C-alpha atoms as a PDB file:
ATOM      1  CA  MET A   1     122.560  65.767   7.941  1.00  0.00           C
ATOM      2  CA  ASN A   2     125.676  67.409   9.388  1.00  0.00           C
ATOM      3  CA  LEU A   3     124.843  68.999  12.767  1.00  0.00           C
ATOM      4  CA  ALA A   4     128.054  71.009  12.583  1.00  0.00           C
ATOM      5  CA  ARG A   5     126.423  73.097   9.844  1.00  0.00           C
ATOM      6  CA  ILE A   6     123.598  74.240  12.148  1.00  0.00           C
ATOM      7  CA  ASP A   7     124.075  76.930  14.769  1.00  0.00           C
ATOM      8  CA  LEU A   8     121.706  78.074  17.469  1.00  0.00           C
ATOM      9  CA  ASN A   9     120.862  81.291  15.622  1.00  0.00           C
ATOM     10  CA  LEU A  10     119.354  79.329  12.731  1.00  0.00           C
ATOM     11  CA  LEU A  11     117.075  77.480  15.138  1.00  0.00           C
ATOM     12  CA  ARG A  12     116.004  80.759  16.742  1.00  0.00           C
ATOM     13  CA  VAL A  13     115.176  82.114  13.288  1.00  0.00           C
ATOM     14  CA  PHE A  14     113.130  79.009  12.513  1.00  0.00           C
ATOM     15  CA  ASP A  15     111.230  79.386  15.791  1.00  0.00           C
ATOM     16  CA  ALA A  16     110.486  83.067  15.132  1.00  0.00           C
ATOM     17  CA  ILE A  17     109.242  82.438  11.593  1.00  0.00           C
ATOM     18  CA  PHE A  18     107.061  79.570  12.786  1.00  0.00           C
ATOM     19  CA  GLU A  19     105.594  81.845  15.447  1.00  0.00           C
ATOM     20  CA  ASP A  20     104.994  84.923  13.279  1.00  0.00           C
ATOM     21  CA  ARG A  21     104.551  83.366   9.804  1.00  0.00           C
ATOM     22  CA  ASN A  22     106.162  86.531   8.488  1.00  0.00           C
ATOM     23  CA  LEU A  23     109.828  87.284   7.770  1.00  0.00           C
ATOM     24  CA  LEU A  24     109.563  90.968   8.642  1.00  0.00           C
ATOM     25  CA  LEU A  25     107.900  90.270  12.001  1.00  0.00           C
ATOM     26  CA  ALA A  26     110.392  87.505  12.758  1.00  0.00           C
ATOM     27  CA  GLY A  27     113.223  89.934  12.038  1.00  0.00           C
ATOM     28  CA  LYS A  28     111.770  92.497  14.439  1.00  0.00           C
ATOM     29  CA  ARG A  29     111.433  89.827  17.097  1.00  0.00           C
ATOM     30  CA  LEU A  30     115.133  88.920  16.752  1.00  0.00           C
ATOM     31  CA  ASN A  31     116.354  92.441  15.950  1.00  0.00           C
ATOM     32  CA  LEU A  32     117.533  91.315  12.495  1.00  0.00           C
ATOM     33  CA  SER A  33     116.912  92.729   9.031  1.00  0.00           C
ATOM     34  CA  GLN A  34     114.543  90.951   6.679  1.00  0.00           C
ATOM     35  CA  SER A  35     117.468  90.079   4.414  1.00  0.00           C
ATOM     36  CA  ALA A  36     119.321  88.499   7.345  1.00  0.00           C
ATOM     37  CA  ILE A  37     116.242  86.437   8.193  1.00  0.00           C
ATOM     38  CA  SER A  38     115.894  85.364   4.554  1.00  0.00           C
ATOM     39  CA  HIS A  39     119.573  84.391   4.405  1.00  0.00           C
ATOM     40  CA  ALA A  40     119.299  82.361   7.620  1.00  0.00           C
ATOM     41  CA  LEU A  41     116.181  80.583   6.345  1.00  0.00           C
ATOM     42  CA  GLY A  42     118.004  79.796   3.112  1.00  0.00           C
ATOM     43  CA  ARG A  43     120.893  78.226   5.035  1.00  0.00           C
ATOM     44  CA  LEU A  44     118.498  76.146   7.104  1.00  0.00           C
ATOM     45  CA  ARG A  45     116.613  75.005   3.992  1.00  0.00           C
ATOM     46  CA  ASP A  46     119.909  73.966   2.448  1.00  0.00           C
ATOM     47  CA  VAL A  47     121.013  71.983   5.493  1.00  0.00           C
ATOM     48  CA  LEU A  48     117.665  70.251   6.032  1.00  0.00           C
ATOM     49  CA  GLU A  49     116.872  69.845   2.318  1.00  0.00           C
ATOM     50  CA  ASP A  50     113.306  71.061   2.854  1.00  0.00           C
ATOM     51  CA  ASP A  51     111.503  74.325   2.035  1.00  0.00           C
ATOM     52  CA  LEU A  52     110.269  74.513   5.673  1.00  0.00           C
ATOM     53  CA  PHE A  53     108.014  77.489   4.850  1.00  0.00           C
ATOM     54  CA  VAL A  54     105.996  78.242   1.717  1.00  0.00           C
ATOM     55  CA  ARG A  55     104.915  81.790   0.946  1.00  0.00           C
ATOM     56  CA  THR A  56     101.115  82.109   0.638  1.00  0.00           C
ATOM     57  CA  ALA A  57      98.544  84.897   0.790  1.00  0.00           C
ATOM     58  CA  LYS A  58      98.177  84.137   4.510  1.00  0.00           C
ATOM     59  CA  GLY A  59     101.902  84.293   5.220  1.00  0.00           C
ATOM     60  CA  MET A  60     104.711  81.772   5.491  1.00  0.00           C
ATOM     61  CA  GLU A  61     102.953  78.427   5.868  1.00  0.00           C
ATOM     62  CA  PRO A  62     105.068  75.636   7.430  1.00  0.00           C
ATOM     63  CA  THR A  63     105.669  72.375   5.599  1.00  0.00           C
ATOM     64  CA  ALA A  64     105.006  69.011   7.224  1.00  0.00           C
ATOM     65  CA  ARG A  65     108.706  68.838   8.162  1.00  0.00           C
ATOM     66  CA  ALA A  66     108.520  72.245   9.847  1.00  0.00           C
ATOM     67  CA  GLU A  67     105.346  71.288  11.741  1.00  0.00           C
ATOM     68  CA  ALA A  68     107.065  68.175  13.062  1.00  0.00           C
ATOM     69  CA  MET A  69     110.158  70.152  14.103  1.00  0.00           C
ATOM     70  CA  ALA A  70     108.469  73.122  15.759  1.00  0.00           C
ATOM     71  CA  MET A  71     107.517  71.898  19.216  1.00  0.00           C
ATOM     72  CA  PRO A  72     110.634  69.759  19.902  1.00  0.00           C
ATOM     73  CA  LEU A  73     112.852  72.673  18.847  1.00  0.00           C
ATOM     74  CA  ARG A  74     110.976  75.149  21.009  1.00  0.00           C
ATOM     75  CA  ASN A  75     111.301  72.833  23.991  1.00  0.00           C
ATOM     76  CA  ALA A  76     115.011  72.393  23.288  1.00  0.00           C
ATOM     77  CA  LEU A  77     115.576  76.139  23.057  1.00  0.00           C
ATOM     78  CA  GLN A  78     113.790  76.626  26.375  1.00  0.00           C
ATOM     79  CA  GLN A  79     115.915  73.910  27.989  1.00  0.00           C
ATOM     80  CA  ILE A  80     119.059  75.639  26.741  1.00  0.00           C
ATOM     81  CA  GLN A  81     117.780  78.927  28.171  1.00  0.00           C
ATOM     82  CA  ASN A  82     117.057  77.250  31.503  1.00  0.00           C
ATOM     83  CA  ALA A  83     120.508  75.676  31.560  1.00  0.00           C
ATOM     84  CA  LEU A  84     122.204  79.016  30.906  1.00  0.00           C
ATOM     85  CA  GLY A  85     120.056  80.745  33.503  1.00  0.00           C
ATOM     86  CA  ASN A  86     117.150  83.127  33.059  1.00  0.00           C
ATOM     87  CA  GLU A  87     117.465  86.839  33.634  1.00  0.00           C
ATOM     88  CA  PRO A  88     115.439  88.037  36.621  1.00  0.00           C
ATOM     89  CA  PHE A  89     112.068  89.590  35.794  1.00  0.00           C
ATOM     90  CA  LEU A  90     111.765  93.178  37.003  1.00  0.00           C
ATOM     91  CA  PRO A  91     108.086  94.098  36.551  1.00  0.00           C
ATOM     92  CA  ASN A  92     108.534  97.845  37.075  1.00  0.00           C
ATOM     93  CA  VAL A  93     110.882  98.125  34.058  1.00  0.00           C
ATOM     94  CA  ALA A  94     109.904  95.058  31.992  1.00  0.00           C
ATOM     95  CA  ASN A  95     108.683  95.618  28.451  1.00  0.00           C
ATOM     96  CA  ARG A  96     106.941  92.515  27.104  1.00  0.00           C
ATOM     97  CA  GLU A  97     103.606  90.894  26.345  1.00  0.00           C
ATOM     98  CA  PHE A  98     101.737  88.131  28.132  1.00  0.00           C
ATOM     99  CA  VAL A  99      99.124  86.113  26.239  1.00  0.00           C
ATOM    100  CA  VAL A 100      96.315  84.610  28.308  1.00  0.00           C
ATOM    101  CA  ALA A 101      93.395  82.542  27.011  1.00  0.00           C
ATOM    102  CA  ALA A 102      90.069  82.875  28.840  1.00  0.00           C
ATOM    103  CA  ASN A 103      86.349  83.114  28.148  1.00  0.00           C
ATOM    104  CA  ASP A 104      84.438  86.344  28.602  1.00  0.00           C
ATOM    105  CA  TYR A 105      83.225  85.628  32.139  1.00  0.00           C
ATOM    106  CA  ILE A 106      86.695  84.774  33.460  1.00  0.00           C
ATOM    107  CA  THR A 107      88.037  87.828  31.662  1.00  0.00           C
ATOM    108  CA  MET A 108      85.531  89.984  33.532  1.00  0.00           C
ATOM    109  CA  LEU A 109      86.113  88.418  36.961  1.00  0.00           C
ATOM    110  CA  LEU A 110      89.827  87.688  36.907  1.00  0.00           C
ATOM    111  CA  LEU A 111      91.682  89.435  34.117  1.00  0.00           C
ATOM    112  CA  GLY A 112      90.099  92.823  34.774  1.00  0.00           C
ATOM    113  CA  ARG A 113      91.650  92.706  38.237  1.00  0.00           C
ATOM    114  CA  LEU A 114      94.911  91.440  36.739  1.00  0.00           C
ATOM    115  CA  SER A 115      94.962  94.395  34.331  1.00  0.00           C
ATOM    116  CA  GLN A 116      94.719  96.785  37.288  1.00  0.00           C
ATOM    117  CA  ARG A 117      97.604  94.959  38.969  1.00  0.00           C
ATOM    118  CA  LEU A 118      99.746  95.227  35.839  1.00  0.00           C
ATOM    119  CA  SER A 119      99.029  98.939  35.509  1.00  0.00           C
ATOM    120  CA  ALA A 120     100.274  99.511  39.042  1.00  0.00           C
ATOM    121  CA  GLU A 121     103.244  97.142  39.168  1.00  0.00           C
ATOM    122  CA  ALA A 122     104.286  96.533  35.544  1.00  0.00           C
ATOM    123  CA  PRO A 123     103.285  99.645  33.557  1.00  0.00           C
ATOM    124  CA  MET A 124     105.165  98.643  30.366  1.00  0.00           C
ATOM    125  CA  VAL A 125     103.766  95.101  30.252  1.00  0.00           C
ATOM    126  CA  ASN A 126     100.937  94.420  27.795  1.00  0.00           C
ATOM    127  CA  LEU A 127      98.237  91.792  28.328  1.00  0.00           C
ATOM    128  CA  ILE A 128      96.728  90.048  25.300  1.00  0.00           C
ATOM    129  CA  ILE A 129      93.586  88.011  25.939  1.00  0.00           C
ATOM    130  CA  ARG A 130      92.707  85.273  23.464  1.00  0.00           C
ATOM    131  CA  PRO A 131      89.436  83.301  23.483  1.00  0.00           C
ATOM    132  CA  SER A 132      89.738  79.973  25.267  1.00  0.00           C
ATOM    133  CA  THR A 133      86.939  78.733  23.019  1.00  0.00           C
ATOM    134  CA  ARG A 134      89.269  78.277  20.034  1.00  0.00           C
ATOM    135  CA  LEU A 135      89.438  74.654  18.926  1.00  0.00           C
ATOM    136  CA  ASP A 136      93.257  74.546  18.838  1.00  0.00           C
ATOM    137  CA  LEU A 137      93.843  75.853  22.368  1.00  0.00           C
ATOM    138  CA  ALA A 138      96.246  73.060  23.353  1.00  0.00           C
ATOM    139  CA  GLY A 139      98.115  73.447  20.081  1.00  0.00           C
ATOM    140  CA  GLN A 140      98.534  77.169  20.696  1.00  0.00           C
ATOM    141  CA  ILE A 141      99.963  76.472  24.158  1.00  0.00           C
ATOM    142  CA  ASP A 142     102.263  73.844  22.646  1.00  0.00           C
ATOM    143  CA  ILE A 143     103.853  76.235  20.164  1.00  0.00           C
ATOM    144  CA  GLY A 144     104.078  79.080  22.665  1.00  0.00           C
ATOM    145  CA  ARG A 145     101.460  81.436  21.278  1.00  0.00           C
ATOM    146  CA  ILE A 146      99.500  81.269  24.530  1.00  0.00           C
ATOM    147  CA  ASP A 147     101.353  81.605  27.839  1.00  0.00           C
ATOM    148  CA  ILE A 148      98.524  80.591  30.178  1.00  0.00           C
ATOM    149  CA  ALA A 149      94.971  79.313  29.668  1.00  0.00           C
ATOM    150  CA  VAL A 150      92.354  79.749  32.396  1.00  0.00           C
ATOM    151  CA  GLY A 151      89.221  77.633  32.560  1.00  0.00           C
ATOM    152  CA  ILE A 152      87.699  74.348  33.705  1.00  0.00           C
ATOM    153  CA  PHE A 153      89.625  71.292  32.516  1.00  0.00           C
ATOM    154  CA  ALA A 154      88.629  67.651  32.938  1.00  0.00           C
ATOM    155  CA  GLU A 155      92.017  66.408  31.741  1.00  0.00           C
ATOM    156  CA  VAL A 156      95.409  68.116  31.667  1.00  0.00           C
ATOM    157  CA  PRO A 157      98.128  66.209  29.785  1.00  0.00           C
ATOM    158  CA  SER A 158     101.487  65.606  31.474  1.00  0.00           C
ATOM    159  CA  ARG A 159     103.306  68.115  29.260  1.00  0.00           C
ATOM    160  CA  PHE A 160     101.261  70.877  30.916  1.00  0.00           C
ATOM    161  CA  GLN A 161     101.247  72.170  34.483  1.00  0.00           C
ATOM    162  CA  SER A 162      98.226  73.627  36.280  1.00  0.00           C
ATOM    163  CA  MET A 163      97.221  75.395  39.471  1.00  0.00           C
ATOM    164  CA  LEU A 164      93.839  75.701  41.143  1.00  0.00           C
ATOM    165  CA  LEU A 165      92.423  79.238  41.201  1.00  0.00           C
ATOM    166  CA  TRP A 166      88.987  78.664  42.749  1.00  0.00           C
ATOM    167  CA  LYS A 167      86.116  76.200  43.004  1.00  0.00           C
ATOM    168  CA  GLN A 168      82.567  77.012  41.990  1.00  0.00           C
ATOM    169  CA  THR A 169      79.085  75.607  41.630  1.00  0.00           C
ATOM    170  CA  GLU A 170      75.994  76.798  39.732  1.00  0.00           C
ATOM    171  CA  VAL A 171      73.168  79.191  40.521  1.00  0.00           C
ATOM    172  CA  LEU A 172      70.018  80.345  38.757  1.00  0.00           C
ATOM    173  CA  ALA A 173      69.931  83.966  37.637  1.00  0.00           C
ATOM    174  CA  MET A 174      66.733  85.897  36.942  1.00  0.00           C
ATOM    175  CA  ARG A 175      65.519  89.450  36.501  1.00  0.00           C
ATOM    176  CA  GLN A 176      65.068  91.497  39.669  1.00  0.00           C
ATOM    177  CA  ASP A 177      61.247  91.441  39.594  1.00  0.00           C
ATOM    178  CA  HIS A 178      60.855  87.815  38.520  1.00  0.00           C
ATOM    179  CA  PRO A 179      57.616  86.201  39.819  1.00  0.00           C
ATOM    180  CA  ILE A 180      59.557  83.661  41.904  1.00  0.00           C
ATOM    181  CA  GLY A 181      62.362  86.009  42.900  1.00  0.00           C
ATOM    182  CA  GLU A 182      61.342  86.231  46.565  1.00  0.00           C
ATOM    183  CA  ARG A 183      61.392  82.502  47.330  1.00  0.00           C
ATOM    184  CA  ALA A 184      63.473  79.396  46.792  1.00  0.00           C
ATOM    185  CA  VAL A 185      63.356  77.910  43.301  1.00  0.00           C
ATOM    186  CA  THR A 186      61.754  74.464  42.993  1.00  0.00           C
ATOM    187  CA  GLN A 187      62.097  71.773  40.353  1.00  0.00           C
ATOM    188  CA  GLU A 188      58.536  72.574  39.308  1.00  0.00           C
ATOM    189  CA  ASP A 189      59.703  76.117  38.526  1.00  0.00           C
ATOM    190  CA  LEU A 190      62.262  74.699  36.077  1.00  0.00           C
ATOM    191  CA  LEU A 191      59.385  73.094  34.178  1.00  0.00           C
ATOM    192  CA  ASN A 192      57.327  76.300  34.153  1.00  0.00           C
ATOM    193  CA  TYR A 193      60.078  78.753  33.149  1.00  0.00           C
ATOM    194  CA  PRO A 194      62.385  78.187  30.143  1.00  0.00           C
ATOM    195  CA  LEU A 195      66.118  78.066  30.728  1.00  0.00           C
ATOM    196  CA  VAL A 196      69.107  79.893  29.322  1.00  0.00           C
ATOM    197  CA  ALA A 197      72.532  78.208  29.491  1.00  0.00           C
ATOM    198  CA  ILE A 198      76.038  79.004  28.299  1.00  0.00           C
ATOM    199  CA  SER A 199      77.537  76.629  25.740  1.00  0.00           C
ATOM    200  CA  LEU A 200      80.883  77.366  24.126  1.00  0.00           C
ATOM    201  CA  GLY A 201      80.861  74.459  21.707  1.00  0.00           C
ATOM    202  CA  GLY A 202      78.636  71.558  20.690  1.00  0.00           C
ATOM    203  CA  GLN A 203      79.031  68.148  19.102  1.00  0.00           C
ATOM    204  CA  GLU A 204      79.747  69.777  15.752  1.00  0.00           C
ATOM    205  CA  GLU A 205      82.956  71.107  17.307  1.00  0.00           C
ATOM    206  CA  GLY A 206      83.950  67.816  18.888  1.00  0.00           C
ATOM    207  CA  ALA A 207      82.392  68.375  22.310  1.00  0.00           C
ATOM    208  CA  ALA A 208      81.427  65.280  24.295  1.00  0.00           C
ATOM    209  CA  GLY A 209      80.000  65.201  27.807  1.00  0.00           C
ATOM    210  CA  GLY A 210      80.316  68.981  28.089  1.00  0.00           C
ATOM    211  CA  PHE A 211      84.052  69.009  27.252  1.00  0.00           C
ATOM    212  CA  ILE A 212      86.175  69.509  24.150  1.00  0.00           C
ATOM    213  CA  LEU A 213      89.212  67.204  23.952  1.00  0.00           C
ATOM    214  CA  GLU A 214      92.135  68.418  21.846  1.00  0.00           C
ATOM    215  CA  ARG A 215      95.703  67.122  22.032  1.00  0.00           C
ATOM    216  CA  GLY A 216      94.970  65.597  25.414  1.00  0.00           C
ATOM    217  CA  LEU A 217      93.541  68.785  26.943  1.00  0.00           C
ATOM    218  CA  ALA A 218      89.848  68.399  27.855  1.00  0.00           C
ATOM    219  CA  ARG A 219      88.233  71.757  28.576  1.00  0.00           C
ATOM    220  CA  GLN A 220      84.698  72.723  29.465  1.00  0.00           C
ATOM    221  CA  SER A 221      82.398  73.513  26.560  1.00  0.00           C
ATOM    222  CA  GLU A 222      79.166  73.950  28.556  1.00  0.00           C
ATOM    223  CA  MET A 223      79.193  76.265  31.570  1.00  0.00           C
ATOM    224  CA  PHE A 224      76.593  74.199  33.416  1.00  0.00           C
ATOM    225  CA  ASP A 225      76.321  70.545  34.384  1.00  0.00           C
ATOM    226  CA  ARG A 226      73.887  69.105  31.869  1.00  0.00           C
ATOM    227  CA  GLN A 227      74.081  65.645  33.420  1.00  0.00           C
ATOM    228  CA  ALA A 228      73.130  66.952  36.887  1.00  0.00           C
ATOM    229  CA  LEU A 229      70.119  68.731  35.371  1.00  0.00           C
ATOM    230  CA  GLU A 230      69.020  65.598  33.515  1.00  0.00           C
ATOM    231  CA  ASP A 231      69.525  63.413  36.596  1.00  0.00           C
ATOM    232  CA  ALA A 232      67.271  65.712  38.640  1.00  0.00           C
ATOM    233  CA  PHE A 233      64.367  64.856  36.322  1.00  0.00           C
ATOM    234  CA  ALA A 234      65.289  61.225  35.633  1.00  0.00           C
ATOM    235  CA  ASN A 235      62.082  59.951  37.275  1.00  0.00           C
ATOM    236  CA  SER A 236      59.814  62.572  35.730  1.00  0.00           C
ATOM    237  CA  SER A 237      58.011  62.437  32.404  1.00  0.00           C
ATOM    238  CA  ALA A 238      58.540  66.194  31.992  1.00  0.00           C
ATOM    239  CA  ARG A 239      61.836  67.897  31.248  1.00  0.00           C
ATOM    240  CA  PRO A 240      63.014  71.506  31.580  1.00  0.00           C
ATOM    241  CA  ARG A 241      63.152  73.401  28.321  1.00  0.00           C
ATOM    242  CA  LEU A 242      66.544  74.780  27.382  1.00  0.00           C
ATOM    243  CA  ARG A 243      65.200  77.646  25.311  1.00  0.00           C
ATOM    244  CA  ILE A 244      68.440  79.522  24.580  1.00  0.00           C
ATOM    245  CA  SER A 245      72.011  78.289  24.415  1.00  0.00           C
ATOM    246  CA  VAL A 246      74.389  81.241  24.176  1.00  0.00           C
ATOM    247  CA  ALA A 247      78.156  81.369  23.715  1.00  0.00           C
ATOM    248  CA  HIS A 248      78.666  84.721  25.445  1.00  0.00           C
ATOM    249  CA  SER A 249      77.927  84.779  29.165  1.00  0.00           C
ATOM    250  CA  LEU A 250      77.860  88.576  29.304  1.00  0.00           C
ATOM    251  CA  ALA A 251      74.727  88.487  27.117  1.00  0.00           C
ATOM    252  CA  ILE A 252      72.770  86.894  29.972  1.00  0.00           C
ATOM    253  CA  PRO A 253      71.526  90.154  31.613  1.00  0.00           C
ATOM    254  CA  THR A 254      70.130  91.405  28.291  1.00  0.00           C
ATOM    255  CA  LEU A 255      68.381  88.094  27.616  1.00  0.00           C
ATOM    256  CA  LEU A 256      66.738  88.070  31.057  1.00  0.00           C
ATOM    257  CA  ARG A 257      65.907  91.757  31.395  1.00  0.00           C
ATOM    258  CA  ASP A 258      62.380  91.535  29.929  1.00  0.00           C
ATOM    259  CA  SER A 259      61.847  87.798  30.237  1.00  0.00           C
ATOM    260  CA  ASP A 260      60.734  85.201  32.786  1.00  0.00           C
ATOM    261  CA  MET A 261      63.503  82.851  31.681  1.00  0.00           C
ATOM    262  CA  LEU A 262      65.982  81.493  34.248  1.00  0.00           C
ATOM    263  CA  ALA A 263      69.697  81.237  33.479  1.00  0.00           C
ATOM    264  CA  LEU A 264      72.063  78.535  34.718  1.00  0.00           C
ATOM    265  CA  VAL A 265      75.346  80.335  35.389  1.00  0.00           C
ATOM    266  CA  PRO A 266      78.534  79.804  37.415  1.00  0.00           C
ATOM    267  CA  ALA A 267      78.042  81.157  40.939  1.00  0.00           C
ATOM    268  CA  PRO A 268      80.853  83.781  40.740  1.00  0.00           C
ATOM    269  CA  LEU A 269      79.318  85.171  37.544  1.00  0.00           C
ATOM    270  CA  GLY A 270      75.850  85.248  39.092  1.00  0.00           C
ATOM    271  CA  ARG A 271      77.156  87.119  42.137  1.00  0.00           C
ATOM    272  CA  GLU A 272      78.851  89.658  39.880  1.00  0.00           C
ATOM    273  CA  PHE A 273      75.542  90.241  38.051  1.00  0.00           C
ATOM    274  CA  GLU A 274      73.807  90.599  41.407  1.00  0.00           C
ATOM    275  CA  ARG A 275      76.431  93.001  42.740  1.00  0.00           C
ATOM    276  CA  ASN A 276      75.983  95.185  39.664  1.00  0.00           C
ATOM    277  CA  GLY A 277      72.233  95.324  40.297  1.00  0.00           C
ATOM    278  CA  GLU A 278      71.451  93.599  36.989  1.00  0.00           C
ATOM    279  CA  LEU A 279      69.960  90.325  38.220  1.00  0.00           C
ATOM    280  CA  ARG A 280      69.247  88.294  41.312  1.00  0.00           C
ATOM    281  CA  THR A 281      70.327  84.697  41.941  1.00  0.00           C
ATOM    282  CA  ARG A 282      68.950  81.659  43.727  1.00  0.00           C
ATOM    283  CA  PRO A 283      70.432  78.188  44.395  1.00  0.00           C
ATOM    284  CA  VAL A 284      69.548  75.458  41.899  1.00  0.00           C
ATOM    285  CA  PRO A 285      66.959  72.997  43.286  1.00  0.00           C
ATOM    286  CA  TYR A 286      69.145  69.916  42.794  1.00  0.00           C
ATOM    287  CA  THR A 287      72.663  68.753  43.590  1.00  0.00           C
ATOM    288  CA  THR A 288      75.457  69.893  41.297  1.00  0.00           C
ATOM    289  CA  PRO A 289      79.126  68.935  41.583  1.00  0.00           C
ATOM    290  CA  THR A 290      81.785  71.537  42.282  1.00  0.00           C
ATOM    291  CA  SER A 291      83.997  72.588  39.365  1.00  0.00           C
ATOM    292  CA  SER A 292      87.608  73.730  39.593  1.00  0.00           C
ATOM    293  CA  VAL A 293      88.848  76.760  37.659  1.00  0.00           C
ATOM    294  CA  ARG A 294      92.524  76.285  36.826  1.00  0.00           C
ATOM    295  CA  ALA A 295      95.389  78.036  35.109  1.00  0.00           C
ATOM    296  CA  VAL A 296      97.271  75.804  32.648  1.00  0.00           C
ATOM    297  CA  TRP A 297     100.676  76.351  31.058  1.00  0.00           C
ATOM    298  CA  HIS A 298     103.385  74.359  29.285  1.00  0.00           C
ATOM    299  CA  THR A 299     105.942  72.633  31.494  1.00  0.00           C
ATOM    300  CA  ARG A 300     108.833  74.207  29.590  1.00  0.00           C
ATOM    301  CA  ASN A 301     107.780  77.587  31.022  1.00  0.00           C
ATOM    302  CA  ASP A 302     107.942  76.450  34.645  1.00  0.00           C
ATOM    303  CA  GLN A 303     111.253  78.210  35.295  1.00  0.00           C
ATOM    304  CA  ASP A 304     110.647  81.353  33.231  1.00  0.00           C
ATOM    305  CA  PRO A 305     110.881  84.206  35.795  1.00  0.00           C
ATOM    306  CA  ALA A 306     108.441  86.413  33.902  1.00  0.00           C
ATOM    307  CA  LEU A 307     105.803  83.701  33.694  1.00  0.00           C
ATOM    308  CA  GLN A 308     106.419  82.699  37.295  1.00  0.00           C
ATOM    309  CA  TRP A 309     105.654  86.293  38.232  1.00  0.00           C
ATOM    310  CA  LEU A 310     102.527  86.333  36.057  1.00  0.00           C
ATOM    311  CA  ARG A 311     101.232  83.104  37.590  1.00  0.00           C
ATOM    312  CA  ALA A 312     101.771  84.527  41.069  1.00  0.00           C
ATOM    313  CA  GLN A 313      99.738  87.629  40.144  1.00  0.00           C
ATOM    314  CA  ILE A 314      96.923  85.519  38.710  1.00  0.00           C
ATOM    315  CA  ALA A 315      96.841  83.336  41.823  1.00  0.00           C
ATOM    316  CA  ASP A 316      96.733  86.427  44.029  1.00  0.00           C
ATOM    317  CA  VAL A 317      93.919  88.244  42.213  1.00  0.00           C
ATOM    318  CA  ALA A 318      91.932  84.979  42.021  1.00  0.00           C
ATOM    319  CA  LYS A 319      91.565  85.195  45.806  1.00  0.00           C
ATOM    320  CA  GLN A 320      89.316  88.227  45.240  1.00  0.00           C
ATOM    321  CA  VAL A 321      86.769  86.262  43.176  1.00  0.00           C
ATOM    322  CA  ASP A 322      83.537  85.743  45.135  1.00  0.00           C
ATOM    323  CA  CYS A 323      82.874  82.029  44.862  1.00  0.00           C
END
């Protein structure tokens, strides 16, 4: 292959098509006509002697060669951008989108506050929130479709960077007039009242030990420490009954409203429910380890002024979360 036949514009076109899987959308991204995009793709196909993208009902699907090229090329383009120097990010006049992955509870606690900050300081900036429960989260960060993921991670591969936002433990949530609501919860209570817990993925989705591992990124799949609960009853013949496992934490108040069930929830979420007058919370009657909520992003974006600004805003609003 003759490198002299490839210019930077062809690589930018490839990157845009891989991102959008659509020639028209890729053209809009690069401010080029669809015919110009098609011509550039044709030149690249000719040079590389590969179709790169195949038109399907779902869009332009990449070939194996394109899949192998995508991440190294994106990293190379970012390195070139860093070498040339990034334009400063001016939030009051910026017009762009940020894509953040988070579950529903973190969206409520953190990204709601972030949205208010953006409205005040960056009125033309749009925030897109993707579910952090998707099985290809690390892959989406790799190819640049997600700027930042927020959650609890047991392992963060070296190609990613992370920052601590807050630390949390677990509490038990219950309806306001629960029979044991006026006293401390005991382990005996956990045998008498069924439990509700939040699980974002089970073994059928590759979860092991409460975490899903994908491309080196291990993220929490269960929003409670199952092992700590089991250890608390290791010497007992009886076990608590996990009656409901739910994927959406914001369904907890509805599930508990007319029930004597107890819900194992992250402490910041429980305090938010309590503050809204929906539920009351009590400490769990056993020892649970502290978990760290982190923001994770790809190393190639470390020097991007816009994403540096976004990370600073996330870190700042995280200080308002009641842990």
